[in-house]
């Protein structure tokens, strides 16, 4: 999954953009959760709607807490649909899986970090079935907002390489928003050429509304990733990628990955606007590193508008037509 001359990962933009996606380009994660969540609110059954994880009295959100939990996953498991999980300052050595609509909010990307010491395969590609280890997995649901925290893959990255695939935040047949979050160090230092190493990944199963993904990716920092910063793949996927800072690892050489900042590919569609995308450069001549790659995008090329590109081998690349049987993360 390189650039214009890419070995893509295995995993057109419609003439008319839906009204709610136009709105999502400028709204907060909370508003996005409302827009993309279920049409009918689900009733609370236990009187607890705000679940907190080690939120202290020094945190201004403390008075909102209905309970406290020792881990993020424990709070997520307790939360019912459309409830909130507020995470206090600190570092949390865990993988998190979300399977119902909710808000996952940290105390700010500087203060709350999800950083597992090891990871295991907790899901798979909807296209190929290839195993994936996601630090934060949103699976088969709508209306999930992830905001105000850091996802750091550095500790686990040195414990394995290439298989399973490694992803910071994975929306798998899911919808919602990622906002004000830092995704970093999803990278194998001992195996930098691994292709299935992605900061943020959004994928659909191309099986109708229940398997589609629609995600607003707003005002995040994504850096020091293996292959791609932000990836959206497969028919049924739509992303709004707005006001993010996406920074590659600079010049990479033979045996390393030809990085891409943002990829819209394999039938996915998306609007990429107002981002700063920089430092993607592959030195050998057989592949090209791209700031923004539209690769076999469905029905057209997607749309890019008002982005700032700095120090990329090529700023915007377009390549291919139709799905590729050779793509390992398709």
C-alpha atoms as a PDB file:
ATOM      1  CA  UNK A   1       0.000   0.000   0.000  1.00  0.00           C
ATOM      2  CA  UNK A   2       2.563   2.544  -1.088  1.00  0.00           C
ATOM      3  CA  UNK A   3       1.927   5.723  -2.996  1.00  0.00           C
ATOM      4  CA  UNK A   4       1.025   6.143  -6.642  1.00  0.00           C
ATOM      5  CA  UNK A   5       3.197   3.101  -7.350  1.00  0.00           C
ATOM      6  CA  UNK A   6       1.963   1.273  -4.325  1.00  0.00           C
ATOM      7  CA  UNK A   7       1.792  -2.177  -2.862  1.00  0.00           C
ATOM      8  CA  UNK A   8      -1.540  -1.507  -1.112  1.00  0.00           C
ATOM      9  CA  UNK A   9      -2.622  -3.024   2.214  1.00  0.00           C
ATOM     10  CA  UNK A  10      -4.975  -6.039   2.283  1.00  0.00           C
ATOM     11  CA  UNK A  11      -7.090  -5.281   4.034  1.00  0.00           C
ATOM     12  CA  UNK A  12     -16.188   8.996  -5.478  1.00  0.00           C
ATOM     13  CA  UNK A  13     -17.357  10.885  -4.196  1.00  0.00           C
ATOM     14  CA  UNK A  14     -21.130  11.369  -4.625  1.00  0.00           C
ATOM     15  CA  UNK A  15     -22.155  14.444  -6.554  1.00  0.00           C
ATOM     16  CA  UNK A  16     -24.337  15.313  -3.589  1.00  0.00           C
ATOM     17  CA  UNK A  17     -22.965  15.008  -0.083  1.00  0.00           C
ATOM     18  CA  UNK A  18     -25.500  14.087   2.561  1.00  0.00           C
ATOM     19  CA  UNK A  19     -26.543  16.991   4.743  1.00  0.00           C
ATOM     20  CA  UNK A  20     -25.413  15.482   8.004  1.00  0.00           C
ATOM     21  CA  UNK A  21     -21.875  14.884   6.689  1.00  0.00           C
ATOM     22  CA  UNK A  22     -21.589  18.523   5.669  1.00  0.00           C
ATOM     23  CA  UNK A  23     -22.482  19.412   9.230  1.00  0.00           C
ATOM     24  CA  UNK A  24     -20.049  16.874  10.679  1.00  0.00           C
ATOM     25  CA  UNK A  25     -17.096  18.646   9.085  1.00  0.00           C
ATOM     26  CA  UNK A  26     -17.582  21.459  11.604  1.00  0.00           C
ATOM     27  CA  UNK A  27     -19.190  19.941  14.690  1.00  0.00           C
ATOM     28  CA  UNK A  28     -17.889  18.326  17.836  1.00  0.00           C
ATOM     29  CA  UNK A  29     -17.704  14.620  18.602  1.00  0.00           C
ATOM     30  CA  UNK A  30     -20.685  14.940  20.931  1.00  0.00           C
ATOM     31  CA  UNK A  31     -22.789  16.425  18.142  1.00  0.00           C
ATOM     32  CA  UNK A  32     -21.534  13.753  15.765  1.00  0.00           C
ATOM     33  CA  UNK A  33     -22.599  11.085  18.206  1.00  0.00           C
ATOM     34  CA  UNK A  34     -26.106  12.524  18.155  1.00  0.00           C
ATOM     35  CA  UNK A  35     -26.145  12.791  14.357  1.00  0.00           C
ATOM     36  CA  UNK A  36     -24.817   9.317  13.709  1.00  0.00           C
ATOM     37  CA  UNK A  37     -26.360   7.474  16.639  1.00  0.00           C
ATOM     38  CA  UNK A  38     -29.599   5.476  16.724  1.00  0.00           C
ATOM     39  CA  UNK A  39     -32.729   7.355  15.755  1.00  0.00           C
ATOM     40  CA  UNK A  40     -34.497   6.374  18.980  1.00  0.00           C
ATOM     41  CA  UNK A  41     -32.872   6.876  22.372  1.00  0.00           C
ATOM     42  CA  UNK A  42     -32.599   3.721  24.433  1.00  0.00           C
ATOM     43  CA  UNK A  43     -33.839   3.753  28.030  1.00  0.00           C
ATOM     44  CA  UNK A  44     -31.375   3.488  30.891  1.00  0.00           C
ATOM     45  CA  UNK A  45     -32.064   0.453  33.110  1.00  0.00           C
ATOM     46  CA  UNK A  46     -29.871   1.008  36.183  1.00  0.00           C
ATOM     47  CA  UNK A  47     -29.913   4.749  36.857  1.00  0.00           C
ATOM     48  CA  UNK A  48     -26.231   5.116  35.937  1.00  0.00           C
ATOM     49  CA  UNK A  49     -25.443   6.985  32.749  1.00  0.00           C
ATOM     50  CA  UNK A  50     -21.984   8.476  33.336  1.00  0.00           C
ATOM     51  CA  UNK A  51     -19.319   5.875  34.044  1.00  0.00           C
ATOM     52  CA  UNK A  52     -15.967   7.170  35.231  1.00  0.00           C
ATOM     53  CA  UNK A  53     -12.510   5.625  35.217  1.00  0.00           C
ATOM     54  CA  UNK A  54     -10.277   6.952  37.997  1.00  0.00           C
ATOM     55  CA  UNK A  55     -11.699  10.460  37.681  1.00  0.00           C
ATOM     56  CA  UNK A  56     -10.609  12.426  40.766  1.00  0.00           C
ATOM     57  CA  UNK A  57     -11.968  15.503  42.516  1.00  0.00           C
ATOM     58  CA  UNK A  58      -9.327  17.551  40.704  1.00  0.00           C
ATOM     59  CA  UNK A  59     -11.057  16.779  37.412  1.00  0.00           C
ATOM     60  CA  UNK A  60     -13.911  19.227  36.664  1.00  0.00           C
ATOM     61  CA  UNK A  61     -15.972  16.287  35.387  1.00  0.00           C
ATOM     62  CA  UNK A  62     -15.920  14.568  38.798  1.00  0.00           C
ATOM     63  CA  UNK A  63     -19.363  15.844  39.809  1.00  0.00           C
ATOM     64  CA  UNK A  64     -20.865  14.199  36.724  1.00  0.00           C
ATOM     65  CA  UNK A  65     -19.680  10.703  37.696  1.00  0.00           C
ATOM     66  CA  UNK A  66     -22.306   8.160  38.674  1.00  0.00           C
ATOM     67  CA  UNK A  67     -19.751   5.448  39.422  1.00  0.00           C
ATOM     68  CA  UNK A  68     -16.029   4.657  39.206  1.00  0.00           C
ATOM     69  CA  UNK A  69     -14.205   1.804  37.482  1.00  0.00           C
ATOM     70  CA  UNK A  70     -10.603   0.561  37.629  1.00  0.00           C
ATOM     71  CA  UNK A  71     -10.192   0.092  33.855  1.00  0.00           C
ATOM     72  CA  UNK A  72     -11.627   1.577  30.699  1.00  0.00           C
ATOM     73  CA  UNK A  73     -12.909  -1.784  29.478  1.00  0.00           C
ATOM     74  CA  UNK A  74     -14.731  -2.358  32.767  1.00  0.00           C
ATOM     75  CA  UNK A  75     -16.522   0.973  32.382  1.00  0.00           C
ATOM     76  CA  UNK A  76     -17.317   0.311  28.717  1.00  0.00           C
ATOM     77  CA  UNK A  77     -18.752  -3.099  29.602  1.00  0.00           C
ATOM     78  CA  UNK A  78     -20.993  -1.538  32.248  1.00  0.00           C
ATOM     79  CA  UNK A  79     -22.175   1.300  30.014  1.00  0.00           C
ATOM     80  CA  UNK A  80     -25.497   0.906  28.255  1.00  0.00           C
ATOM     81  CA  UNK A  81     -26.210   2.357  24.825  1.00  0.00           C
ATOM     82  CA  UNK A  82     -25.845   6.135  24.528  1.00  0.00           C
ATOM     83  CA  UNK A  83     -24.118   6.517  27.882  1.00  0.00           C
ATOM     84  CA  UNK A  84     -20.744   8.137  28.633  1.00  0.00           C
ATOM     85  CA  UNK A  85     -17.390   6.793  29.795  1.00  0.00           C
ATOM     86  CA  UNK A  86     -15.175   9.535  31.228  1.00  0.00           C
ATOM     87  CA  UNK A  87     -11.537   8.560  31.733  1.00  0.00           C
ATOM     88  CA  UNK A  88      -9.307  10.364  34.204  1.00  0.00           C
ATOM     89  CA  UNK A  89      -5.710  11.410  33.778  1.00  0.00           C
ATOM     90  CA  UNK A  90      -3.203   8.567  33.663  1.00  0.00           C
ATOM     91  CA  UNK A  91      -1.842   5.786  31.473  1.00  0.00           C
ATOM     92  CA  UNK A  92      -4.047   2.745  30.882  1.00  0.00           C
ATOM     93  CA  UNK A  93      -2.263  -0.457  29.753  1.00  0.00           C
ATOM     94  CA  UNK A  94      -5.152  -2.114  27.933  1.00  0.00           C
ATOM     95  CA  UNK A  95      -6.943  -2.750  24.671  1.00  0.00           C
ATOM     96  CA  UNK A  96     -10.504  -1.440  24.534  1.00  0.00           C
ATOM     97  CA  UNK A  97     -13.436  -2.874  22.571  1.00  0.00           C
ATOM     98  CA  UNK A  98     -16.682  -0.927  22.108  1.00  0.00           C
ATOM     99  CA  UNK A  99     -19.782  -2.634  20.706  1.00  0.00           C
ATOM    100  CA  UNK A 100     -22.590  -0.173  21.531  1.00  0.00           C
ATOM    101  CA  UNK A 101     -23.169   3.573  21.068  1.00  0.00           C
ATOM    102  CA  UNK A 102     -21.340   5.648  23.686  1.00  0.00           C
ATOM    103  CA  UNK A 103     -18.992   8.542  24.331  1.00  0.00           C
ATOM    104  CA  UNK A 104     -15.426   7.650  25.356  1.00  0.00           C
ATOM    105  CA  UNK A 105     -13.790  10.826  26.635  1.00  0.00           C
ATOM    106  CA  UNK A 106     -10.386  11.345  28.213  1.00  0.00           C
ATOM    107  CA  UNK A 107      -9.163  14.279  30.288  1.00  0.00           C
ATOM    108  CA  UNK A 108      -7.284  15.611  27.254  1.00  0.00           C
ATOM    109  CA  UNK A 109      -4.733  14.065  24.926  1.00  0.00           C
ATOM    110  CA  UNK A 110      -1.910  15.344  27.128  1.00  0.00           C
ATOM    111  CA  UNK A 111      -3.301  13.685  30.260  1.00  0.00           C
ATOM    112  CA  UNK A 112      -5.088  10.436  29.322  1.00  0.00           C
ATOM    113  CA  UNK A 113      -3.197   7.728  27.417  1.00  0.00           C
ATOM    114  CA  UNK A 114      -4.211   4.217  26.368  1.00  0.00           C
ATOM    115  CA  UNK A 115      -0.900   2.371  26.077  1.00  0.00           C
ATOM    116  CA  UNK A 116      -1.000  -1.435  26.251  1.00  0.00           C
ATOM    117  CA  UNK A 117       2.186  -3.276  27.122  1.00  0.00           C
ATOM    118  CA  UNK A 118       1.201  -6.128  24.823  1.00  0.00           C
ATOM    119  CA  UNK A 119      -1.629  -6.643  22.359  1.00  0.00           C
ATOM    120  CA  UNK A 120      -3.428  -9.675  21.010  1.00  0.00           C
ATOM    121  CA  UNK A 121      -5.542 -10.143  17.917  1.00  0.00           C
ATOM    122  CA  UNK A 122      -9.032  -8.950  18.849  1.00  0.00           C
ATOM    123  CA  UNK A 123     -10.656  -8.688  15.427  1.00  0.00           C
ATOM    124  CA  UNK A 124     -10.125  -9.272  11.712  1.00  0.00           C
ATOM    125  CA  UNK A 125     -10.379  -7.619   8.325  1.00  0.00           C
ATOM    126  CA  UNK A 126     -13.925  -7.651   7.021  1.00  0.00           C
ATOM    127  CA  UNK A 127     -12.607  -8.327   3.533  1.00  0.00           C
ATOM    128  CA  UNK A 128      -9.918 -10.963   3.977  1.00  0.00           C
ATOM    129  CA  UNK A 129     -10.333 -12.246   7.529  1.00  0.00           C
ATOM    130  CA  UNK A 130      -6.704 -11.366   8.312  1.00  0.00           C
ATOM    131  CA  UNK A 131      -6.190 -10.963  12.080  1.00  0.00           C
ATOM    132  CA  UNK A 132      -5.850  -7.463  13.514  1.00  0.00           C
ATOM    133  CA  UNK A 133      -4.768  -6.235  16.935  1.00  0.00           C
ATOM    134  CA  UNK A 134      -6.495  -2.896  17.532  1.00  0.00           C
ATOM    135  CA  UNK A 135      -5.740  -0.802  20.603  1.00  0.00           C
ATOM    136  CA  UNK A 136      -9.214   0.777  20.442  1.00  0.00           C
ATOM    137  CA  UNK A 137     -11.769  -1.275  18.496  1.00  0.00           C
ATOM    138  CA  UNK A 138     -15.254   0.005  17.639  1.00  0.00           C
ATOM    139  CA  UNK A 139     -17.075  -2.989  16.210  1.00  0.00           C
ATOM    140  CA  UNK A 140     -20.486  -3.229  14.547  1.00  0.00           C
ATOM    141  CA  UNK A 141     -22.178  -0.209  16.076  1.00  0.00           C
ATOM    142  CA  UNK A 142     -23.088   3.414  15.374  1.00  0.00           C
ATOM    143  CA  UNK A 143     -22.872   6.589  17.426  1.00  0.00           C
ATOM    144  CA  UNK A 144     -19.469   6.042  19.077  1.00  0.00           C
ATOM    145  CA  UNK A 145     -17.354   9.122  19.791  1.00  0.00           C
ATOM    146  CA  UNK A 146     -13.723   8.803  20.904  1.00  0.00           C
ATOM    147  CA  UNK A 147     -12.285  12.090  22.118  1.00  0.00           C
ATOM    148  CA  UNK A 148      -9.652  13.861  24.221  1.00  0.00           C
ATOM    149  CA  UNK A 149      -7.124  11.083  24.752  1.00  0.00           C
ATOM    150  CA  UNK A 150      -3.911   9.585  23.348  1.00  0.00           C
ATOM    151  CA  UNK A 151      -3.557   6.111  21.852  1.00  0.00           C
ATOM    152  CA  UNK A 152       0.116   5.092  22.067  1.00  0.00           C
ATOM    153  CA  UNK A 153       1.332   1.885  20.430  1.00  0.00           C
ATOM    154  CA  UNK A 154       4.997   2.091  21.413  1.00  0.00           C
ATOM    155  CA  UNK A 155       5.093  -0.365  24.307  1.00  0.00           C
ATOM    156  CA  UNK A 156       3.444  -3.254  22.462  1.00  0.00           C
ATOM    157  CA  UNK A 157       5.057  -2.577  19.097  1.00  0.00           C
ATOM    158  CA  UNK A 158       8.351  -4.234  19.952  1.00  0.00           C
ATOM    159  CA  UNK A 159       6.676  -7.457  21.133  1.00  0.00           C
ATOM    160  CA  UNK A 160       5.593  -8.679  17.663  1.00  0.00           C
ATOM    161  CA  UNK A 161       5.882  -7.759  13.985  1.00  0.00           C
ATOM    162  CA  UNK A 162       3.609  -7.715  10.929  1.00  0.00           C
ATOM    163  CA  UNK A 163       1.061 -10.305  12.055  1.00  0.00           C
ATOM    164  CA  UNK A 164      -1.471  -9.637  13.337  1.00  0.00           C
ATOM    165  CA  UNK A 165      -1.999  -6.253  11.729  1.00  0.00           C
ATOM    166  CA  UNK A 166      -1.567  -3.383  14.162  1.00  0.00           C
ATOM    167  CA  UNK A 167      -4.067  -0.506  14.365  1.00  0.00           C
ATOM    168  CA  UNK A 168      -4.408   2.393  16.802  1.00  0.00           C
ATOM    169  CA  UNK A 169      -8.163   3.039  16.417  1.00  0.00           C
ATOM    170  CA  UNK A 170     -10.269   0.726  14.237  1.00  0.00           C
ATOM    171  CA  UNK A 171     -13.883   1.523  13.313  1.00  0.00           C
ATOM    172  CA  UNK A 172     -15.039  -1.800  11.890  1.00  0.00           C
ATOM    173  CA  UNK A 173     -18.497  -1.588  10.270  1.00  0.00           C
ATOM    174  CA  UNK A 174     -19.140   1.270  12.671  1.00  0.00           C
ATOM    175  CA  UNK A 175     -19.973   4.960  12.672  1.00  0.00           C
ATOM    176  CA  UNK A 176     -19.298   7.956  14.863  1.00  0.00           C
ATOM    177  CA  UNK A 177     -16.443  10.392  15.416  1.00  0.00           C
ATOM    178  CA  UNK A 178     -12.807  10.629  16.498  1.00  0.00           C
ATOM    179  CA  UNK A 179     -11.945  14.092  17.777  1.00  0.00           C
ATOM    180  CA  UNK A 180      -9.135  15.890  19.658  1.00  0.00           C
ATOM    181  CA  UNK A 181      -7.198  12.646  19.980  1.00  0.00           C
ATOM    182  CA  UNK A 182      -3.511  11.819  19.455  1.00  0.00           C
ATOM    183  CA  UNK A 183      -2.703   8.482  17.789  1.00  0.00           C
ATOM    184  CA  UNK A 184       1.016   7.787  17.887  1.00  0.00           C
ATOM    185  CA  UNK A 185       3.738   5.138  17.746  1.00  0.00           C
ATOM    186  CA  UNK A 186       1.722   2.470  15.917  1.00  0.00           C
ATOM    187  CA  UNK A 187       4.943   1.285  14.358  1.00  0.00           C
ATOM    188  CA  UNK A 188       7.234  -1.768  14.558  1.00  0.00           C
ATOM    189  CA  UNK A 189      10.768  -0.424  15.063  1.00  0.00           C
ATOM    190  CA  UNK A 190      12.337  -3.827  14.341  1.00  0.00           C
ATOM    191  CA  UNK A 191      10.184  -4.417  11.236  1.00  0.00           C
ATOM    192  CA  UNK A 192       9.457  -0.995   9.731  1.00  0.00           C
ATOM    193  CA  UNK A 193       8.345  -2.407   6.384  1.00  0.00           C
ATOM    194  CA  UNK A 194       5.171  -4.053   7.711  1.00  0.00           C
ATOM    195  CA  UNK A 195       2.245  -2.937   5.548  1.00  0.00           C
ATOM    196  CA  UNK A 196      -0.634  -3.599   7.922  1.00  0.00           C
ATOM    197  CA  UNK A 197       0.330  -0.983  10.517  1.00  0.00           C
ATOM    198  CA  UNK A 198      -2.133   1.917  10.589  1.00  0.00           C
ATOM    199  CA  UNK A 199      -2.885   4.831  12.908  1.00  0.00           C
ATOM    200  CA  UNK A 200      -6.643   5.076  12.266  1.00  0.00           C
ATOM    201  CA  UNK A 201      -8.517   2.532  10.134  1.00  0.00           C
ATOM    202  CA  UNK A 202     -12.155   2.671   8.988  1.00  0.00           C
ATOM    203  CA  UNK A 203     -13.522  -0.349   7.103  1.00  0.00           C
ATOM    204  CA  UNK A 204     -16.897  -1.634   5.906  1.00  0.00           C
ATOM    205  CA  UNK A 205     -18.136  -5.089   5.030  1.00  0.00           C
ATOM    206  CA  UNK A 206     -19.980  -3.960   1.880  1.00  0.00           C
ATOM    207  CA  UNK A 207     -23.015  -5.871   3.069  1.00  0.00           C
ATOM    208  CA  UNK A 208     -25.670  -3.194   3.425  1.00  0.00           C
ATOM    209  CA  UNK A 209     -26.393  -0.577   6.091  1.00  0.00           C
ATOM    210  CA  UNK A 210     -25.535  -2.840   9.020  1.00  0.00           C
ATOM    211  CA  UNK A 211     -21.983  -3.319   7.759  1.00  0.00           C
ATOM    212  CA  UNK A 212     -21.207   0.213   6.614  1.00  0.00           C
ATOM    213  CA  UNK A 213     -18.959   2.799   8.290  1.00  0.00           C
ATOM    214  CA  UNK A 214     -19.434   6.554   8.441  1.00  0.00           C
ATOM    215  CA  UNK A 215     -16.837   8.330  10.582  1.00  0.00           C
ATOM    216  CA  UNK A 216     -15.923  11.977  11.176  1.00  0.00           C
ATOM    217  CA  UNK A 217     -12.197  12.312  11.953  1.00  0.00           C
ATOM    218  CA  UNK A 218     -11.761  15.829  13.316  1.00  0.00           C
ATOM    219  CA  UNK A 219      -8.912  17.846  14.843  1.00  0.00           C
ATOM    220  CA  UNK A 220      -6.623  14.931  15.712  1.00  0.00           C
ATOM    221  CA  UNK A 221      -2.864  14.460  15.661  1.00  0.00           C
ATOM    222  CA  UNK A 222      -1.695  11.241  13.978  1.00  0.00           C
ATOM    223  CA  UNK A 223       2.045  10.610  13.818  1.00  0.00           C
ATOM    224  CA  UNK A 224       4.867   8.063  13.898  1.00  0.00           C
ATOM    225  CA  UNK A 225       2.903   5.263  12.223  1.00  0.00           C
ATOM    226  CA  UNK A 226       4.176   2.338  10.203  1.00  0.00           C
ATOM    227  CA  UNK A 227       2.299   2.526   6.907  1.00  0.00           C
ATOM    228  CA  UNK A 228      -0.630   4.970   6.858  1.00  0.00           C
ATOM    229  CA  UNK A 229      -1.843   7.656   9.230  1.00  0.00           C
ATOM    230  CA  UNK A 230      -5.560   7.506   8.368  1.00  0.00           C
ATOM    231  CA  UNK A 231      -7.015   4.750   6.157  1.00  0.00           C
ATOM    232  CA  UNK A 232     -10.570   4.288   4.861  1.00  0.00           C
ATOM    233  CA  UNK A 233     -11.218   1.157   2.787  1.00  0.00           C
ATOM    234  CA  UNK A 234     -14.037  -0.767   1.103  1.00  0.00           C
ATOM    235  CA  UNK A 235     -17.405   0.109  -0.458  1.00  0.00           C
ATOM    236  CA  UNK A 236     -19.825   1.340   2.174  1.00  0.00           C
ATOM    237  CA  UNK A 237     -17.151   3.416   3.940  1.00  0.00           C
ATOM    238  CA  UNK A 238     -17.420   7.201   4.109  1.00  0.00           C
ATOM    239  CA  UNK A 239     -15.099   9.453   6.106  1.00  0.00           C
ATOM    240  CA  UNK A 240     -14.901  13.179   6.747  1.00  0.00           C
ATOM    241  CA  UNK A 241     -11.245  13.936   7.525  1.00  0.00           C
ATOM    242  CA  UNK A 242     -10.977  17.544   8.664  1.00  0.00           C
ATOM    243  CA  UNK A 243      -8.484  19.754  10.545  1.00  0.00           C
ATOM    244  CA  UNK A 244      -6.078  16.964  11.467  1.00  0.00           C
ATOM    245  CA  UNK A 245      -2.284  17.056  11.658  1.00  0.00           C
ATOM    246  CA  UNK A 246      -0.920  13.905   9.984  1.00  0.00           C
ATOM    247  CA  UNK A 247       2.857  13.541  10.115  1.00  0.00           C
ATOM    248  CA  UNK A 248       4.872  10.676   8.640  1.00  0.00           C
ATOM    249  CA  UNK A 249       8.362   9.513   9.580  1.00  0.00           C
ATOM    250  CA  UNK A 250      10.148  11.494   6.872  1.00  0.00           C
ATOM    251  CA  UNK A 251      12.460   9.808   4.375  1.00  0.00           C
ATOM    252  CA  UNK A 252      12.212   6.003   4.473  1.00  0.00           C
ATOM    253  CA  UNK A 253      14.424   3.588   2.593  1.00  0.00           C
ATOM    254  CA  UNK A 254      14.658   0.058   1.255  1.00  0.00           C
ATOM    255  CA  UNK A 255      12.974  -2.397   3.606  1.00  0.00           C
ATOM    256  CA  UNK A 256      10.796   0.305   5.125  1.00  0.00           C
ATOM    257  CA  UNK A 257       7.253   1.305   4.148  1.00  0.00           C
ATOM    258  CA  UNK A 258       6.328   3.845   1.492  1.00  0.00           C
ATOM    259  CA  UNK A 259       4.072   5.807   3.792  1.00  0.00           C
ATOM    260  CA  UNK A 260       0.831   7.630   3.057  1.00  0.00           C
ATOM    261  CA  UNK A 261      -0.708  10.263   5.293  1.00  0.00           C
ATOM    262  CA  UNK A 262      -4.339   9.634   4.352  1.00  0.00           C
ATOM    263  CA  UNK A 263      -5.626   6.821   2.126  1.00  0.00           C
ATOM    264  CA  UNK A 264      -9.137   6.544   0.673  1.00  0.00           C
ATOM    265  CA  UNK A 265      -9.242   3.252  -1.168  1.00  0.00           C
ATOM    266  CA  UNK A 266     -10.868   0.086  -2.454  1.00  0.00           C
ATOM    267  CA  UNK A 267     -14.324   1.580  -2.999  1.00  0.00           C
ATOM    268  CA  UNK A 268     -14.368   3.902   0.026  1.00  0.00           C
ATOM    269  CA  UNK A 269     -15.389   7.543  -0.314  1.00  0.00           C
ATOM    270  CA  UNK A 270     -14.358  10.602   1.631  1.00  0.00           C
ATOM    271  CA  UNK A 271     -13.906  14.326   2.033  1.00  0.00           C
ATOM    272  CA  UNK A 272     -10.383  15.342   3.117  1.00  0.00           C
ATOM    273  CA  UNK A 273     -10.219  19.045   3.963  1.00  0.00           C
ATOM    274  CA  UNK A 274      -8.279  21.536   6.035  1.00  0.00           C
ATOM    275  CA  UNK A 275      -5.599  19.082   7.188  1.00  0.00           C
ATOM    276  CA  UNK A 276      -1.842  19.524   7.492  1.00  0.00           C
ATOM    277  CA  UNK A 277      -0.200  16.441   5.966  1.00  0.00           C
ATOM    278  CA  UNK A 278       3.589  16.207   5.995  1.00  0.00           C
ATOM    279  CA  UNK A 279       6.792  14.125   5.934  1.00  0.00           C
ATOM    280  CA  UNK A 280       6.015  11.196   3.605  1.00  0.00           C
ATOM    281  CA  UNK A 281       8.981  10.376   1.389  1.00  0.00           C
ATOM    282  CA  UNK A 282      10.147   6.991   0.071  1.00  0.00           C
ATOM    283  CA  UNK A 283      13.712   7.165  -1.241  1.00  0.00           C
ATOM    284  CA  UNK A 284      13.800   4.104  -3.586  1.00  0.00           C
ATOM    285  CA  UNK A 285      12.166   4.627  -6.959  1.00  0.00           C
ATOM    286  CA  UNK A 286       9.908   1.558  -7.078  1.00  0.00           C
ATOM    287  CA  UNK A 287       7.146   3.092  -4.919  1.00  0.00           C
ATOM    288  CA  UNK A 288       5.966   6.602  -4.092  1.00  0.00           C
ATOM    289  CA  UNK A 289       5.010   7.994  -0.695  1.00  0.00           C
ATOM    290  CA  UNK A 290       1.909  10.195  -0.778  1.00  0.00           C
ATOM    291  CA  UNK A 291       0.467  12.833   1.458  1.00  0.00           C
ATOM    292  CA  UNK A 292      -3.036  11.867   0.295  1.00  0.00           C
ATOM    293  CA  UNK A 293      -3.682   8.690  -1.704  1.00  0.00           C
ATOM    294  CA  UNK A 294      -6.909   7.900  -3.525  1.00  0.00           C
ATOM    295  CA  UNK A 295      -6.370   4.232  -4.449  1.00  0.00           C
ATOM    296  CA  UNK A 296      -9.097   2.403  -6.354  1.00  0.00           C
ATOM    297  CA  UNK A 297     -11.656   4.699  -4.758  1.00  0.00           C
ATOM    298  CA  UNK A 298     -15.209   3.611  -5.476  1.00  0.00           C
ATOM    299  CA  UNK A 299     -17.088   5.334  -8.283  1.00  0.00           C
ATOM    300  CA  UNK A 300     -14.633   8.221  -8.399  1.00  0.00           C
ATOM    301  CA  UNK A 301     -11.740   9.758  -6.574  1.00  0.00           C
ATOM    302  CA  UNK A 302     -13.149  11.260  -3.418  1.00  0.00           C
ATOM    303  CA  UNK A 303     -12.585  14.916  -2.696  1.00  0.00           C
ATOM    304  CA  UNK A 304      -9.700  16.978  -1.320  1.00  0.00           C
ATOM    305  CA  UNK A 305     -10.041  20.615  -0.373  1.00  0.00           C
ATOM    306  CA  UNK A 306      -7.858  23.256   1.326  1.00  0.00           C
ATOM    307  CA  UNK A 307      -5.203  20.911   2.729  1.00  0.00           C
ATOM    308  CA  UNK A 308      -1.652  22.016   3.551  1.00  0.00           C
ATOM    309  CA  UNK A 309       1.085  19.689   2.292  1.00  0.00           C
ATOM    310  CA  UNK A 310       4.700  19.867   3.502  1.00  0.00           C
ATOM    311  CA  UNK A 311       7.695  17.688   2.563  1.00  0.00           C
ATOM    312  CA  UNK A 312       5.804  14.854   0.872  1.00  0.00           C
ATOM    313  CA  UNK A 313       7.304  12.979  -2.068  1.00  0.00           C
ATOM    314  CA  UNK A 314       3.972  13.536  -3.803  1.00  0.00           C
ATOM    315  CA  UNK A 315       1.149  15.528  -2.241  1.00  0.00           C
ATOM    316  CA  UNK A 316      -1.909  13.899  -3.856  1.00  0.00           C
ATOM    317  CA  UNK A 317      -1.758  10.561  -5.660  1.00  0.00           C
ATOM    318  CA  UNK A 318      -4.476   8.768  -7.612  1.00  0.00           C
ATOM    319  CA  UNK A 319      -4.087   5.185  -8.707  1.00  0.00           C
ATOM    320  CA  UNK A 320      -5.948   2.097  -9.807  1.00  0.00           C
ATOM    321  CA  UNK A 321      -9.515   1.194 -10.605  1.00  0.00           C
ATOM    322  CA  UNK A 322     -11.398  -1.610  -8.899  1.00  0.00           C
ATOM    323  CA  UNK A 323     -10.533  -3.897  -5.992  1.00  0.00           C
ATOM    324  CA  UNK A 324      -7.152  -5.583  -5.847  1.00  0.00           C
ATOM    325  CA  UNK A 325      -6.805  -9.297  -5.003  1.00  0.00           C
ATOM    326  CA  UNK A 326      -3.213  -8.623  -3.910  1.00  0.00           C
ATOM    327  CA  UNK A 327      -3.993  -6.167  -1.132  1.00  0.00           C
ATOM    328  CA  UNK A 328      -3.106  -7.754   2.232  1.00  0.00           C
ATOM    329  CA  UNK A 329      -5.434  -5.576   4.320  1.00  0.00           C
ATOM    330  CA  UNK A 330      -8.283  -5.142   1.913  1.00  0.00           C
END
